[in-house]
Structure formats: structure tokens, C-alpha cells
Amino acid sequence: MQVYPVPVAVTQARIQLLVAQAAKAPPRIIDDAVLNVFAAKNQAEREAIVDLKA
């Protein structure tokens, strides 16, 4: 099993999600935080694929 490092952007997005959940933010804010986590993960995967091709 290979273990890949988690990019900083993904970690930061997850922390923002946890902060929003802990602060009991409105659902819209939490939804935006969840979308940011997925966007950061997708961007990290794209960058990893580009690195593999290079």
C-alpha cells in the first residue's frame, strides 16, 4: 500500500470545514467548506497526474 502525502491545501480546507462545523455555522457556509475540500482534493489529484506524466 502506497501512502501519499496530503497536500497543504487539502489540509487547510479540512480545517476550515471543522471550524465551520464547530462554530455551528449556517448550512450554506458548511456546504461551501465541503465543496472547498473536494475542490482542493481534485486539484491535488490533477497535479499528481501531471507529475506522473512528466
N, C-alpha and C. Protein backbone atom coordinates (compact mmCIF):
# COMPACT_ATOMS: atom_id res chain seq x y z
N MET A 1 0.84 -1.17 0.00
CA MET A 1 0.00 0.00 0.00
C MET A 1 0.89 1.24 0.00
N GLN A 2 0.64 2.13 -0.95
CA GLN A 2 1.40 3.36 -1.00
C GLN A 2 0.68 4.44 -0.21
N VAL A 3 1.46 5.23 0.48
CA VAL A 3 0.90 6.33 1.26
C VAL A 3 1.37 7.63 0.62
N TYR A 4 0.43 8.46 0.24
CA TYR A 4 0.77 9.73 -0.40
C TYR A 4 0.60 10.86 0.62
N PRO A 5 1.48 11.84 0.58
CA PRO A 5 1.32 12.97 1.50
C PRO A 5 0.07 13.78 1.12
N VAL A 6 -0.58 14.30 2.12
CA VAL A 6 -1.77 15.12 1.90
C VAL A 6 -1.30 16.54 1.61
N PRO A 7 -1.72 17.11 0.48
CA PRO A 7 -1.32 18.48 0.17
C PRO A 7 -1.82 19.48 1.23
N VAL A 8 -1.08 20.54 1.39
CA VAL A 8 -1.41 21.56 2.39
C VAL A 8 -2.78 22.16 2.13
N ALA A 9 -3.12 22.39 0.86
CA ALA A 9 -4.41 23.00 0.53
C ALA A 9 -5.57 22.12 0.99
N VAL A 10 -5.42 20.82 0.89
CA VAL A 10 -6.48 19.90 1.33
C VAL A 10 -6.60 19.96 2.85
N THR A 11 -5.48 19.96 3.53
CA THR A 11 -5.49 20.04 5.00
C THR A 11 -6.13 21.34 5.46
N GLN A 12 -5.79 22.44 4.82
CA GLN A 12 -6.37 23.74 5.20
C GLN A 12 -7.87 23.75 4.96
N ALA A 13 -8.32 23.18 3.85
CA ALA A 13 -9.76 23.13 3.57
C ALA A 13 -10.49 22.29 4.60
N ARG A 14 -9.87 21.18 5.01
CA ARG A 14 -10.50 20.34 6.04
C ARG A 14 -10.58 21.06 7.38
N ILE A 15 -9.54 21.80 7.71
CA ILE A 15 -9.54 22.56 8.97
C ILE A 15 -10.65 23.60 8.93
N GLN A 16 -10.81 24.30 7.80
CA GLN A 16 -11.88 25.30 7.69
C GLN A 16 -13.25 24.64 7.85
N LEU A 17 -13.40 23.45 7.31
CA LEU A 17 -14.66 22.73 7.47
C LEU A 17 -14.92 22.41 8.94
N LEU A 18 -13.90 21.93 9.63
CA LEU A 18 -14.06 21.62 11.06
C LEU A 18 -14.38 22.86 11.87
N VAL A 19 -13.74 23.98 11.54
CA VAL A 19 -14.01 25.24 12.24
C VAL A 19 -15.46 25.66 12.02
N ALA A 20 -15.92 25.55 10.78
CA ALA A 20 -17.30 25.93 10.47
C ALA A 20 -18.29 25.03 11.20
N GLN A 21 -17.99 23.73 11.26
CA GLN A 21 -18.89 22.81 11.96
C GLN A 21 -18.88 23.07 13.46
N ALA A 22 -17.71 23.34 14.01
CA ALA A 22 -17.61 23.58 15.46
C ALA A 22 -18.31 24.88 15.84
N ALA A 23 -18.27 25.86 14.94
CA ALA A 23 -18.91 27.14 15.22
C ALA A 23 -20.40 27.11 14.93
N LYS A 24 -20.88 25.96 14.48
CA LYS A 24 -22.29 25.79 14.11
C LYS A 24 -22.72 26.87 13.12
N ALA A 25 -21.90 27.00 12.08
CA ALA A 25 -22.16 27.97 11.02
C ALA A 25 -23.42 27.58 10.26
N PRO A 26 -23.98 28.53 9.54
CA PRO A 26 -25.17 28.22 8.73
C PRO A 26 -24.85 27.13 7.70
N PRO A 27 -25.86 26.38 7.30
CA PRO A 27 -25.62 25.28 6.35
C PRO A 27 -24.92 25.73 5.06
N ARG A 28 -25.20 26.94 4.60
CA ARG A 28 -24.58 27.44 3.37
C ARG A 28 -23.06 27.52 3.52
N ILE A 29 -22.60 27.97 4.68
CA ILE A 29 -21.16 28.09 4.93
C ILE A 29 -20.53 26.70 4.99
N ILE A 30 -21.19 25.78 5.65
CA ILE A 30 -20.67 24.41 5.76
C ILE A 30 -20.65 23.75 4.38
N ASP A 31 -21.69 23.97 3.58
CA ASP A 31 -21.71 23.43 2.22
C ASP A 31 -20.54 23.97 1.40
N ASP A 32 -20.28 25.27 1.52
CA ASP A 32 -19.15 25.87 0.81
C ASP A 32 -17.83 25.25 1.27
N ALA A 33 -17.71 24.99 2.56
CA ALA A 33 -16.48 24.39 3.09
C ALA A 33 -16.30 22.97 2.56
N VAL A 34 -17.38 22.22 2.47
CA VAL A 34 -17.31 20.86 1.93
C VAL A 34 -16.89 20.90 0.46
N LEU A 35 -17.48 21.82 -0.29
CA LEU A 35 -17.11 21.96 -1.70
C LEU A 35 -15.64 22.36 -1.85
N ASN A 36 -15.15 23.20 -0.95
CA ASN A 36 -13.74 23.59 -0.98
C ASN A 36 -12.82 22.40 -0.73
N VAL A 37 -13.22 21.51 0.16
CA VAL A 37 -12.42 20.30 0.42
C VAL A 37 -12.35 19.45 -0.85
N PHE A 38 -13.49 19.22 -1.49
CA PHE A 38 -13.49 18.42 -2.71
C PHE A 38 -12.70 19.10 -3.83
N ALA A 39 -12.81 20.42 -3.93
CA ALA A 39 -12.07 21.14 -4.96
C ALA A 39 -10.57 21.02 -4.73
N ALA A 40 -10.15 21.14 -3.49
CA ALA A 40 -8.72 21.02 -3.17
C ALA A 40 -8.21 19.61 -3.46
N LYS A 41 -9.02 18.60 -3.13
CA LYS A 41 -8.62 17.22 -3.41
C LYS A 41 -8.53 16.97 -4.91
N ASN A 42 -9.49 17.49 -5.66
CA ASN A 42 -9.46 17.31 -7.11
C ASN A 42 -8.25 17.99 -7.73
N GLN A 43 -7.94 19.20 -7.27
CA GLN A 43 -6.78 19.91 -7.79
C GLN A 43 -5.49 19.15 -7.47
N ALA A 44 -5.40 18.61 -6.27
CA ALA A 44 -4.21 17.85 -5.89
C ALA A 44 -4.07 16.60 -6.75
N GLU A 45 -5.18 15.93 -7.05
CA GLU A 45 -5.12 14.75 -7.90
C GLU A 45 -4.68 15.11 -9.31
N ARG A 46 -5.19 16.24 -9.83
CA ARG A 46 -4.78 16.69 -11.17
C ARG A 46 -3.29 16.96 -11.22
N GLU A 47 -2.78 17.63 -10.19
CA GLU A 47 -1.36 17.94 -10.14
C GLU A 47 -0.51 16.67 -10.03
N ALA A 48 -1.02 15.68 -9.29
CA ALA A 48 -0.28 14.42 -9.16
C ALA A 48 -0.25 13.69 -10.50
N ILE A 49 -1.33 13.74 -11.25
CA ILE A 49 -1.36 13.09 -12.55
C ILE A 49 -0.39 13.77 -13.51
N VAL A 50 -0.34 15.08 -13.48
CA VAL A 50 0.59 15.82 -14.33
C VAL A 50 2.04 15.46 -13.96
N ASP A 51 2.30 15.34 -12.67
CA ASP A 51 3.65 14.96 -12.23
C ASP A 51 4.02 13.56 -12.69
N LEU A 52 3.05 12.65 -12.70
CA LEU A 52 3.32 11.28 -13.14
C LEU A 52 3.63 11.23 -14.64
N LYS A 53 2.93 12.07 -15.40
CA LYS A 53 3.13 12.09 -16.85
C LYS A 53 4.48 12.72 -17.22
N ALA A 54 4.97 13.60 -16.36
CA ALA A 54 6.23 14.31 -16.68
C ALA A 54 7.45 13.46 -16.43
